PDB file of all heavy atoms in Angstrom:
ATOM      1  N   LEU A   1     -85.028   6.942-173.636  1.00  0.00           N
ATOM      2  CA  LEU A   1     -85.010   5.598-174.265  1.00  0.00           C
ATOM      3  C   LEU A   1     -84.283   5.572-175.607  1.00  0.00           C
ATOM      4  O   LEU A   1     -83.656   4.609-175.993  1.00  0.00           O
ATOM      5  CB  LEU A   1     -86.472   5.167-174.465  1.00  0.00           C
ATOM      6  CG  LEU A   1     -86.727   3.681-174.778  1.00  0.00           C
ATOM      7  CD1 LEU A   1     -86.104   2.763-173.745  1.00  0.00           C
ATOM      8  CD2 LEU A   1     -88.246   3.433-174.853  1.00  0.00           C
ATOM      9  N   CYS A   2     -84.305   6.734-176.304  1.00  0.00           N
ATOM     10  CA  CYS A   2     -83.616   6.822-177.529  1.00  0.00           C
ATOM     11  C   CYS A   2     -82.088   6.752-177.405  1.00  0.00           C
ATOM     12  O   CYS A   2     -81.401   6.339-178.326  1.00  0.00           O
ATOM     13  CB  CYS A   2     -83.998   8.167-178.268  1.00  0.00           C
ATOM     14  SG  CYS A   2     -85.688   8.295-178.789  1.00  0.00           S
ATOM     15  N   GLU A   3     -81.607   7.120-176.184  1.00  0.00           N
ATOM     16  CA  GLU A   3     -80.194   7.044-175.922  1.00  0.00           C
ATOM     17  C   GLU A   3     -79.714   5.626-175.618  1.00  0.00           C
ATOM     18  O   GLU A   3     -78.500   5.349-175.818  1.00  0.00           O
ATOM     19  CB  GLU A   3     -79.848   8.033-174.768  1.00  0.00           C
ATOM     20  CG  GLU A   3     -80.132   9.491-175.076  1.00  0.00           C
ATOM     21  CD  GLU A   3     -79.743  10.337-173.845  1.00  0.00           C
ATOM     22  OE1 GLU A   3     -79.392   9.785-172.790  1.00  0.00           O
ATOM     23  OE2 GLU A   3     -79.797  11.597-173.978  1.00  0.00           O
ATOM     24  N   ALA A   4     -80.553   4.800-175.043  1.00  0.00           N
ATOM     25  CA  ALA A   4     -80.166   3.424-174.734  1.00  0.00           C
ATOM     26  C   ALA A   4     -81.304   2.487-174.967  1.00  0.00           C
ATOM     27  O   ALA A   4     -81.971   1.963-174.069  1.00  0.00           O
ATOM     28  CB  ALA A   4     -79.741   3.326-173.271  1.00  0.00           C
ATOM     29  N   PRO A   5     -81.654   2.235-176.253  1.00  0.00           N
ATOM     30  CA  PRO A   5     -82.801   1.413-176.572  1.00  0.00           C
ATOM     31  C   PRO A   5     -82.662  -0.015-176.104  1.00  0.00           C
ATOM     32  O   PRO A   5     -83.646  -0.728-176.095  1.00  0.00           O
ATOM     33  CB  PRO A   5     -82.878   1.519-178.116  1.00  0.00           C
ATOM     34  CG  PRO A   5     -81.493   1.866-178.558  1.00  0.00           C
ATOM     35  CD  PRO A   5     -80.923   2.737-177.438  1.00  0.00           C
ATOM     36  N   GLU A   6     -81.450  -0.425-175.729  1.00  0.00           N
ATOM     37  CA  GLU A   6     -81.276  -1.831-175.315  1.00  0.00           C
ATOM     38  C   GLU A   6     -82.004  -2.131-174.036  1.00  0.00           C
ATOM     39  O   GLU A   6     -82.302  -3.292-173.678  1.00  0.00           O
ATOM     40  CB  GLU A   6     -79.764  -2.145-175.071  1.00  0.00           C
ATOM     41  CG  GLU A   6     -79.066  -1.335-174.027  1.00  0.00           C
ATOM     42  CD  GLU A   6     -78.460  -0.063-174.594  1.00  0.00           C
ATOM     43  OE1 GLU A   6     -78.899   0.444-175.701  1.00  0.00           O
ATOM     44  OE2 GLU A   6     -77.493   0.445-174.014  1.00  0.00           O
ATOM     45  N   VAL A   7     -82.459  -1.098-173.313  1.00  0.00           N
ATOM     46  CA  VAL A   7     -83.182  -1.316-172.073  1.00  0.00           C
ATOM     47  C   VAL A   7     -84.554  -1.927-172.361  1.00  0.00           C
ATOM     48  O   VAL A   7     -85.241  -2.423-171.450  1.00  0.00           O
ATOM     49  CB  VAL A   7     -83.361   0.040-171.276  1.00  0.00           C
ATOM     50  CG1 VAL A   7     -84.451   0.925-171.930  1.00  0.00           C
ATOM     51  CG2 VAL A   7     -83.643  -0.243-169.823  1.00  0.00           C
ATOM     52  N   LEU A   8     -85.010  -1.833-173.619  1.00  0.00           N
ATOM     53  CA  LEU A   8     -86.285  -2.411-173.964  1.00  0.00           C
ATOM     54  C   LEU A   8     -86.346  -3.945-173.741  1.00  0.00           C
ATOM     55  O   LEU A   8     -87.427  -4.526-173.604  1.00  0.00           O
ATOM     56  CB  LEU A   8     -86.627  -2.183-175.467  1.00  0.00           C
ATOM     57  CG  LEU A   8     -87.036  -0.708-175.814  1.00  0.00           C
ATOM     58  CD1 LEU A   8     -87.100  -0.564-177.327  1.00  0.00           C
ATOM     59  CD2 LEU A   8     -88.378  -0.404-175.180  1.00  0.00           C
ATOM     60  N   SER A   9     -85.144  -4.543-173.640  1.00  0.00           N
ATOM     61  CA  SER A   9     -85.138  -6.028-173.338  1.00  0.00           C
ATOM     62  C   SER A   9     -85.704  -6.290-171.947  1.00  0.00           C
ATOM     63  O   SER A   9     -86.071  -7.457-171.658  1.00  0.00           O
ATOM     64  CB  SER A   9     -83.758  -6.521-173.473  1.00  0.00           C
ATOM     65  OG  SER A   9     -82.892  -5.992-172.463  1.00  0.00           O
ATOM     66  N   ALA A  10     -85.784  -5.254-171.117  1.00  0.00           N
ATOM     67  CA  ALA A  10     -86.397  -5.479-169.756  1.00  0.00           C
ATOM     68  C   ALA A  10     -87.922  -5.823-169.809  1.00  0.00           C
ATOM     69  O   ALA A  10     -88.454  -6.258-168.878  1.00  0.00           O
ATOM     70  CB  ALA A  10     -86.226  -4.212-168.913  1.00  0.00           C
ATOM     71  N   LEU A  11     -88.480  -5.652-170.997  1.00  0.00           N
ATOM     72  CA  LEU A  11     -89.886  -6.029-171.164  1.00  0.00           C
ATOM     73  C   LEU A  11     -90.021  -7.525-171.037  1.00  0.00           C
ATOM     74  O   LEU A  11     -91.170  -8.040-170.794  1.00  0.00           O
ATOM     75  CB  LEU A  11     -90.381  -5.541-172.505  1.00  0.00           C
ATOM     76  CG  LEU A  11     -90.542  -3.980-172.697  1.00  0.00           C
ATOM     77  CD1 LEU A  11     -90.884  -3.692-174.124  1.00  0.00           C
ATOM     78  CD2 LEU A  11     -91.564  -3.454-171.724  1.00  0.00           C
ATOM     79  N   SER A  12     -89.015  -8.309-171.251  1.00  0.00           N
ATOM     80  CA  SER A  12     -89.048  -9.760-171.126  1.00  0.00           C
ATOM     81  C   SER A  12     -89.023 -10.174-169.707  1.00  0.00           C
ATOM     82  O   SER A  12     -88.190  -9.776-168.914  1.00  0.00           O
ATOM     83  CB  SER A  12     -87.882 -10.393-171.889  1.00  0.00           C
ATOM     84  OG  SER A  12     -87.850 -11.798-171.624  1.00  0.00           O
ATOM     85  N   PRO A  13     -89.953 -11.006-169.219  1.00  0.00           N
ATOM     86  CA  PRO A  13     -89.969 -11.448-167.846  1.00  0.00           C
ATOM     87  C   PRO A  13     -88.800 -12.278-167.406  1.00  0.00           C
ATOM     88  O   PRO A  13     -88.588 -12.459-166.188  1.00  0.00           O
ATOM     89  CB  PRO A  13     -91.299 -12.238-167.734  1.00  0.00           C
ATOM     90  CG  PRO A  13     -91.557 -12.715-169.122  1.00  0.00           C
ATOM     91  CD  PRO A  13     -91.033 -11.677-170.036  1.00  0.00           C
ATOM     92  N   HIS A  14     -88.045 -12.755-168.359  1.00  0.00           N
ATOM     93  CA  HIS A  14     -86.914 -13.668-167.976  1.00  0.00           C
ATOM     94  C   HIS A  14     -85.882 -12.880-167.146  1.00  0.00           C
ATOM     95  O   HIS A  14     -85.150 -13.380-166.363  1.00  0.00           O
ATOM     96  CB  HIS A  14     -86.274 -14.326-169.175  1.00  0.00           C
ATOM     97  CG  HIS A  14     -85.263 -13.529-169.902  1.00  0.00           C
ATOM     98  ND1 HIS A  14     -85.542 -12.593-170.843  1.00  0.00           N
ATOM     99  CD2 HIS A  14     -83.875 -13.545-169.781  1.00  0.00           C
ATOM    100  CE1 HIS A  14     -84.475 -12.065-171.311  1.00  0.00           C
ATOM    101  NE2 HIS A  14     -83.395 -12.573-170.687  1.00  0.00           N
ATOM    102  N   HIS A  15     -85.751 -11.526-167.391  1.00  0.00           N
ATOM    103  CA  HIS A  15     -84.826 -10.693-166.637  1.00  0.00           C
ATOM    104  C   HIS A  15     -85.269 -10.658-165.161  1.00  0.00           C
ATOM    105  O   HIS A  15     -84.394 -10.665-164.266  1.00  0.00           O
ATOM    106  CB  HIS A  15     -84.758  -9.294-167.232  1.00  0.00           C
ATOM    107  CG  HIS A  15     -84.025  -9.193-168.468  1.00  0.00           C
ATOM    108  ND1 HIS A  15     -82.625  -9.315-168.526  1.00  0.00           N
ATOM    109  CD2 HIS A  15     -84.397  -8.924-169.717  1.00  0.00           C
ATOM    110  CE1 HIS A  15     -82.221  -9.176-169.778  1.00  0.00           C
ATOM    111  NE2 HIS A  15     -83.268  -8.902-170.543  1.00  0.00           N
ATOM    112  N   ALA A  16     -86.569 -10.599-164.885  1.00  0.00           N
ATOM    113  CA  ALA A  16     -87.044 -10.556-163.508  1.00  0.00           C
ATOM    114  C   ALA A  16     -86.720 -11.871-162.801  1.00  0.00           C
ATOM    115  O   ALA A  16     -86.236 -11.844-161.650  1.00  0.00           O
ATOM    116  CB  ALA A  16     -88.559 -10.296-163.485  1.00  0.00           C
ATOM    117  N   LEU A  17     -86.955 -12.977-163.515  1.00  0.00           N
ATOM    118  CA  LEU A  17     -86.644 -14.312-162.894  1.00  0.00           C
ATOM    119  C   LEU A  17     -85.203 -14.461-162.632  1.00  0.00           C
ATOM    120  O   LEU A  17     -84.746 -14.999-161.588  1.00  0.00           O
ATOM    121  CB  LEU A  17     -87.233 -15.395-163.807  1.00  0.00           C
ATOM    122  CG  LEU A  17     -88.813 -15.421-163.970  1.00  0.00           C
ATOM    123  CD1 LEU A  17     -89.161 -16.466-164.966  1.00  0.00           C
ATOM    124  CD2 LEU A  17     -89.463 -15.647-162.634  1.00  0.00           C
ATOM    125  N   GLN A  18     -84.369 -14.077-163.629  1.00  0.00           N
ATOM    126  CA  GLN A  18     -82.945 -14.242-163.449  1.00  0.00           C
ATOM    127  C   GLN A  18     -82.411 -13.448-162.283  1.00  0.00           C
ATOM    128  O   GLN A  18     -81.548 -13.863-161.531  1.00  0.00           O
ATOM    129  CB  GLN A  18     -82.224 -13.801-164.768  1.00  0.00           C
ATOM    130  CG  GLN A  18     -82.280 -14.831-165.890  1.00  0.00           C
ATOM    131  CD  GLN A  18     -81.530 -14.405-167.128  1.00  0.00           C
ATOM    132  OE1 GLN A  18     -81.116 -13.230-167.199  1.00  0.00           O
ATOM    133  NE2 GLN A  18     -81.438 -15.284-168.104  1.00  0.00           N
ATOM    134  N   PHE A  19     -82.947 -12.217-162.162  1.00  0.00           N
ATOM    135  CA  PHE A  19     -82.521 -11.376-161.054  1.00  0.00           C
ATOM    136  C   PHE A  19     -82.844 -11.946-159.696  1.00  0.00           C
ATOM    137  O   PHE A  19     -81.965 -11.974-158.752  1.00  0.00           O
ATOM    138  CB  PHE A  19     -83.164  -9.945-161.177  1.00  0.00           C
ATOM    139  CG  PHE A  19     -82.811  -9.052-160.019  1.00  0.00           C
ATOM    140  CD1 PHE A  19     -81.594  -8.335-160.025  1.00  0.00           C
ATOM    141  CD2 PHE A  19     -83.709  -8.911-158.963  1.00  0.00           C
ATOM    142  CE1 PHE A  19     -81.358  -7.498-158.966  1.00  0.00           C
ATOM    143  CE2 PHE A  19     -83.362  -8.069-157.882  1.00  0.00           C
ATOM    144  CZ  PHE A  19     -82.198  -7.350-157.867  1.00  0.00           C
ATOM    145  N   LEU A  20     -84.095 -12.469-159.531  1.00  0.00           N
ATOM    146  CA  LEU A  20     -84.456 -13.045-158.284  1.00  0.00           C
ATOM    147  C   LEU A  20     -83.665 -14.306-157.908  1.00  0.00           C
ATOM    148  O   LEU A  20     -83.322 -14.461-156.723  1.00  0.00           O
ATOM    149  CB  LEU A  20     -85.963 -13.397-158.288  1.00  0.00           C
ATOM    150  CG  LEU A  20     -86.959 -12.251-158.376  1.00  0.00           C
ATOM    151  CD1 LEU A  20     -88.359 -12.727-158.480  1.00  0.00           C
ATOM    152  CD2 LEU A  20     -86.830 -11.327-157.136  1.00  0.00           C
ATOM    153  N   LEU A  21     -83.333 -15.073-158.919  1.00  0.00           N
ATOM    154  CA  LEU A  21     -82.525 -16.330-158.671  1.00  0.00           C
ATOM    155  C   LEU A  21     -81.082 -15.947-158.349  1.00  0.00           C
ATOM    156  O   LEU A  21     -80.462 -16.637-157.512  1.00  0.00           O
ATOM    157  CB  LEU A  21     -82.642 -17.248-159.885  1.00  0.00           C
ATOM    158  CG  LEU A  21     -83.989 -17.871-160.139  1.00  0.00           C
ATOM    159  CD1 LEU A  21     -83.902 -18.682-161.457  1.00  0.00           C
ATOM    160  CD2 LEU A  21     -84.367 -18.768-159.009  1.00  0.00           C
ATOM    161  N   ALA A  22     -80.602 -14.897-158.972  1.00  0.00           N
ATOM    162  CA  ALA A  22     -79.174 -14.553-158.787  1.00  0.00           C
ATOM    163  C   ALA A  22     -78.943 -13.651-157.544  1.00  0.00           C
ATOM    164  O   ALA A  22     -77.788 -13.516-157.113  1.00  0.00           O
ATOM    165  CB  ALA A  22     -78.632 -13.892-159.996  1.00  0.00           C
ATOM    166  N   HIS A  23     -79.963 -13.049-157.001  1.00  0.00           N
ATOM    167  CA  HIS A  23     -79.899 -12.176-155.891  1.00  0.00           C
ATOM    168  C   HIS A  23     -80.834 -12.512-154.730  1.00  0.00           C
ATOM    169  O   HIS A  23     -81.617 -11.759-154.247  1.00  0.00           O
ATOM    170  CB  HIS A  23     -80.119 -10.722-156.275  1.00  0.00           C
ATOM    171  CG  HIS A  23     -79.197 -10.197-157.357  1.00  0.00           C
ATOM    172  ND1 HIS A  23     -79.363 -10.560-158.680  1.00  0.00           N
ATOM    173  CD2 HIS A  23     -78.116  -9.449-157.252  1.00  0.00           C
ATOM    174  CE1 HIS A  23     -78.377  -9.957-159.356  1.00  0.00           C
ATOM    175  NE2 HIS A  23     -77.575  -9.268-158.572  1.00  0.00           N
ATOM    176  N   GLN A  24     -80.800 -13.771-154.376  1.00  0.00           N
ATOM    177  CA  GLN A  24     -81.729 -14.325-153.384  1.00  0.00           C
ATOM    178  C   GLN A  24     -81.547 -13.596-152.005  1.00  0.00           C
ATOM    179  O   GLN A  24     -82.534 -13.492-151.258  1.00  0.00           O
ATOM    180  CB  GLN A  24     -81.601 -15.810-153.221  1.00  0.00           C
ATOM    181  CG  GLN A  24     -81.936 -16.617-154.459  1.00  0.00           C
ATOM    182  CD  GLN A  24     -81.801 -18.070-154.335  1.00  0.00           C
ATOM    183  OE1 GLN A  24     -81.928 -18.602-153.232  1.00  0.00           O
ATOM    184  NE2 GLN A  24     -81.484 -18.776-155.395  1.00  0.00           N
ATOM    185  N   GLY A  25     -80.382 -13.138-151.741  1.00  0.00           N
ATOM    186  CA  GLY A  25     -80.145 -12.515-150.387  1.00  0.00           C
ATOM    187  C   GLY A  25     -80.920 -11.163-150.241  1.00  0.00           C
ATOM    188  O   GLY A  25     -81.213 -10.801-149.135  1.00  0.00           O
ATOM    189  N   VAL A  26     -81.130 -10.482-151.352  1.00  0.00           N
ATOM    190  CA  VAL A  26     -81.826  -9.150-151.277  1.00  0.00           C
ATOM    191  C   VAL A  26     -83.146  -9.217-151.994  1.00  0.00           C
ATOM    192  O   VAL A  26     -83.787  -8.164-152.142  1.00  0.00           O
ATOM    193  CB  VAL A  26     -80.942  -8.043-151.868  1.00  0.00           C
ATOM    194  CG1 VAL A  26     -79.665  -7.860-151.105  1.00  0.00           C
ATOM    195  CG2 VAL A  26     -80.626  -8.386-153.355  1.00  0.00           C
ATOM    196  N   ALA A  27     -83.626 -10.395-152.390  1.00  0.00           N
ATOM    197  CA  ALA A  27     -84.821 -10.501-153.161  1.00  0.00           C
ATOM    198  C   ALA A  27     -86.005  -9.929-152.484  1.00  0.00           C
ATOM    199  O   ALA A  27     -86.839  -9.193-153.002  1.00  0.00           O
ATOM    200  CB  ALA A  27     -85.071 -11.929-153.570  1.00  0.00           C
ATOM    201  N   LEU A  28     -86.211 -10.235-151.169  1.00  0.00           N
ATOM    202  CA  LEU A  28     -87.409  -9.757-150.417  1.00  0.00           C
ATOM    203  C   LEU A  28     -87.311  -8.230-150.279  1.00  0.00           C
ATOM    204  O   LEU A  28     -88.373  -7.589-150.422  1.00  0.00           O
ATOM    205  CB  LEU A  28     -87.442 -10.394-149.036  1.00  0.00           C
ATOM    206  CG  LEU A  28     -88.071 -11.841-148.956  1.00  0.00           C
ATOM    207  CD1 LEU A  28     -88.107 -12.308-147.558  1.00  0.00           C
ATOM    208  CD2 LEU A  28     -89.514 -11.792-149.521  1.00  0.00           C
ATOM    209  N   ALA A  29     -86.196  -7.703-149.998  1.00  0.00           N
ATOM    210  CA  ALA A  29     -86.023  -6.244-149.850  1.00  0.00           C
ATOM    211  C   ALA A  29     -86.322  -5.562-151.168  1.00  0.00           C
ATOM    212  O   ALA A  29     -87.053  -4.524-151.218  1.00  0.00           O
ATOM    213  CB  ALA A  29     -84.676  -5.906-149.365  1.00  0.00           C
ATOM    214  N   VAL A  30     -85.926  -6.123-152.267  1.00  0.00           N
ATOM    215  CA  VAL A  30     -86.162  -5.549-153.577  1.00  0.00           C
ATOM    216  C   VAL A  30     -87.650  -5.605-153.878  1.00  0.00           C
ATOM    217  O   VAL A  30     -88.227  -4.625-154.359  1.00  0.00           O
ATOM    218  CB  VAL A  30     -85.353  -6.242-154.688  1.00  0.00           C
ATOM    219  CG1 VAL A  30     -85.779  -5.778-156.027  1.00  0.00           C
ATOM    220  CG2 VAL A  30     -83.853  -5.974-154.493  1.00  0.00           C
ATOM    221  N   LEU A  31     -88.254  -6.741-153.636  1.00  0.00           N
ATOM    222  CA  LEU A  31     -89.670  -6.890-153.911  1.00  0.00           C
ATOM    223  C   LEU A  31     -90.521  -5.942-153.062  1.00  0.00           C
ATOM    224  O   LEU A  31     -91.541  -5.361-153.528  1.00  0.00           O
ATOM    225  CB  LEU A  31     -90.158  -8.334-153.647  1.00  0.00           C
ATOM    226  CG  LEU A  31     -89.717  -9.358-154.661  1.00  0.00           C
ATOM    227  CD1 LEU A  31     -90.076 -10.744-154.197  1.00  0.00           C
ATOM    228  CD2 LEU A  31     -90.375  -9.079-156.056  1.00  0.00           C
ATOM    229  N   GLY A  32     -90.081  -5.698-151.836  1.00  0.00           N
ATOM    230  CA  GLY A  32     -90.772  -4.681-150.968  1.00  0.00           C
ATOM    231  C   GLY A  32     -90.764  -3.329-151.607  1.00  0.00           C
ATOM    232  O   GLY A  32     -91.718  -2.536-151.454  1.00  0.00           O
ATOM    233  N   SER A  33     -89.614  -2.995-152.215  1.00  0.00           N
ATOM    234  CA  SER A  33     -89.519  -1.696-152.929  1.00  0.00           C
ATOM    235  C   SER A  33     -90.209  -1.648-154.228  1.00  0.00           C
ATOM    236  O   SER A  33     -90.798  -0.682-154.670  1.00  0.00           O
ATOM    237  CB  SER A  33     -88.057  -1.304-153.054  1.00  0.00           C
ATOM    238  OG  SER A  33     -87.379  -1.174-151.819  1.00  0.00           O
ATOM    239  N   VAL A  34     -90.180  -2.794-154.995  1.00  0.00           N
ATOM    240  CA  VAL A  34     -90.893  -2.840-156.251  1.00  0.00           C
ATOM    241  C   VAL A  34     -92.355  -2.651-156.079  1.00  0.00           C
ATOM    242  O   VAL A  34     -93.040  -2.040-156.915  1.00  0.00           O
ATOM    243  CB  VAL A  34     -90.528  -4.255-156.904  1.00  0.00           C
ATOM    244  CG1 VAL A  34     -91.570  -4.530-158.043  1.00  0.00           C
ATOM    245  CG2 VAL A  34     -89.179  -4.245-157.445  1.00  0.00           C
ATOM    246  N   PHE A  35     -92.875  -3.159-154.949  1.00  0.00           N
ATOM    247  CA  PHE A  35     -94.321  -3.019-154.688  1.00  0.00           C
ATOM    248  C   PHE A  35     -94.723  -1.573-154.596  1.00  0.00           C
ATOM    249  O   PHE A  35     -95.941  -1.303-154.818  1.00  0.00           O
ATOM    250  CB  PHE A  35     -94.637  -3.713-153.347  1.00  0.00           C
ATOM    251  CG  PHE A  35     -96.112  -3.853-153.076  1.00  0.00           C
ATOM    252  CD1 PHE A  35     -96.886  -4.775-153.735  1.00  0.00           C
ATOM    253  CD2 PHE A  35     -96.703  -2.963-152.196  1.00  0.00           C
ATOM    254  CE1 PHE A  35     -98.274  -4.793-153.511  1.00  0.00           C
ATOM    255  CE2 PHE A  35     -98.069  -2.998-151.951  1.00  0.00           C
ATOM    256  CZ  PHE A  35     -98.816  -3.939-152.638  1.00  0.00           C
ATOM    257  N   LEU A  36     -93.785  -0.660-154.297  1.00  0.00           N
ATOM    258  CA  LEU A  36     -94.170   0.788-154.220  1.00  0.00           C
ATOM    259  C   LEU A  36     -94.706   1.179-155.632  1.00  0.00           C
ATOM    260  O   LEU A  36     -95.399   2.245-155.675  1.00  0.00           O
ATOM    261  CB  LEU A  36     -92.911   1.536-153.871  1.00  0.00           C
ATOM    262  CG  LEU A  36     -92.396   1.374-152.501  1.00  0.00           C
ATOM    263  CD1 LEU A  36     -91.121   2.175-152.283  1.00  0.00           C
ATOM    264  CD2 LEU A  36     -93.416   1.790-151.449  1.00  0.00           C
ATOM    265  N   ALA A  37     -94.372   0.493-156.694  1.00  0.00           N
ATOM    266  CA  ALA A  37     -94.849   0.866-158.044  1.00  0.00           C
ATOM    267  C   ALA A  37     -96.302   0.641-158.199  1.00  0.00           C
ATOM    268  O   ALA A  37     -96.946   1.207-159.131  1.00  0.00           O
ATOM    269  CB  ALA A  37     -94.080   0.125-159.111  1.00  0.00           C
ATOM    270  N   VAL A  38     -96.927  -0.182-157.379  1.00  0.00           N
ATOM    271  CA  VAL A  38     -98.417  -0.471-157.487  1.00  0.00           C
ATOM    272  C   VAL A  38     -99.224   0.041-156.354  1.00  0.00           C
ATOM    273  O   VAL A  38    -100.438  -0.225-156.265  1.00  0.00           O
ATOM    274  CB  VAL A  38     -98.659  -1.997-157.743  1.00  0.00           C
ATOM    275  CG1 VAL A  38     -98.082  -2.406-159.054  1.00  0.00           C
ATOM    276  CG2 VAL A  38     -98.076  -2.819-156.596  1.00  0.00           C
ATOM    277  N   THR A  39     -98.587   0.757-155.381  1.00  0.00           N
ATOM    278  CA  THR A  39     -99.405   1.327-154.338  1.00  0.00           C
ATOM    279  C   THR A  39    -100.420   2.338-154.945  1.00  0.00           C
ATOM    280  O   THR A  39     -99.990   3.150-155.790  1.00  0.00           O
ATOM    281  CB  THR A  39     -98.558   2.031-153.280  1.00  0.00           C
ATOM    282  OG1 THR A  39     -97.704   2.993-153.959  1.00  0.00           O
ATOM    283  CG2 THR A  39     -97.687   1.074-152.530  1.00  0.00           C
ATOM    284  N   GLY A  40    -101.607   2.227-154.591  1.00  0.00           N
ATOM    285  CA  GLY A  40    -102.677   3.038-155.258  1.00  0.00           C
ATOM    286  C   GLY A  40    -103.531   2.254-156.130  1.00  0.00           C
ATOM    287  O   GLY A  40    -104.612   2.676-156.585  1.00  0.00           O
ATOM    288  N   ALA A  41    -103.142   0.996-156.449  1.00  0.00           N
ATOM    289  CA  ALA A  41    -103.945   0.173-157.371  1.00  0.00           C
ATOM    290  C   ALA A  41    -105.277  -0.182-156.692  1.00  0.00           C
ATOM    291  O   ALA A  41    -106.303  -0.357-157.387  1.00  0.00           O
ATOM    292  CB  ALA A  41    -103.164  -1.133-157.727  1.00  0.00           C
ATOM    293  N   GLU A  42    -105.348  -0.349-155.391  1.00  0.00           N
ATOM    294  CA  GLU A  42    -106.575  -0.672-154.702  1.00  0.00           C
ATOM    295  C   GLU A  42    -107.649   0.407-154.943  1.00  0.00           C
ATOM    296  O   GLU A  42    -108.860   0.141-154.940  1.00  0.00           O
ATOM    297  CB  GLU A  42    -106.329  -0.897-153.220  1.00  0.00           C
ATOM    298  CG  GLU A  42    -107.477  -1.427-152.447  1.00  0.00           C
ATOM    299  CD  GLU A  42    -107.752  -2.895-152.725  1.00  0.00           C
ATOM    300  OE1 GLU A  42    -106.940  -3.544-153.349  1.00  0.00           O
ATOM    301  OE2 GLU A  42    -108.774  -3.371-152.318  1.00  0.00           O
TER     302      GLU A  42
END
């Protein structure tokens, strides 16, 4: 993170919304993979 601190802007939810709106063709596939980050929450 010290090498590229600009990535901290990803903490803002507007990046998530912009990505989904701009990439509607792959949005479902991406969300299916993003969900892997919370497997185990149950």
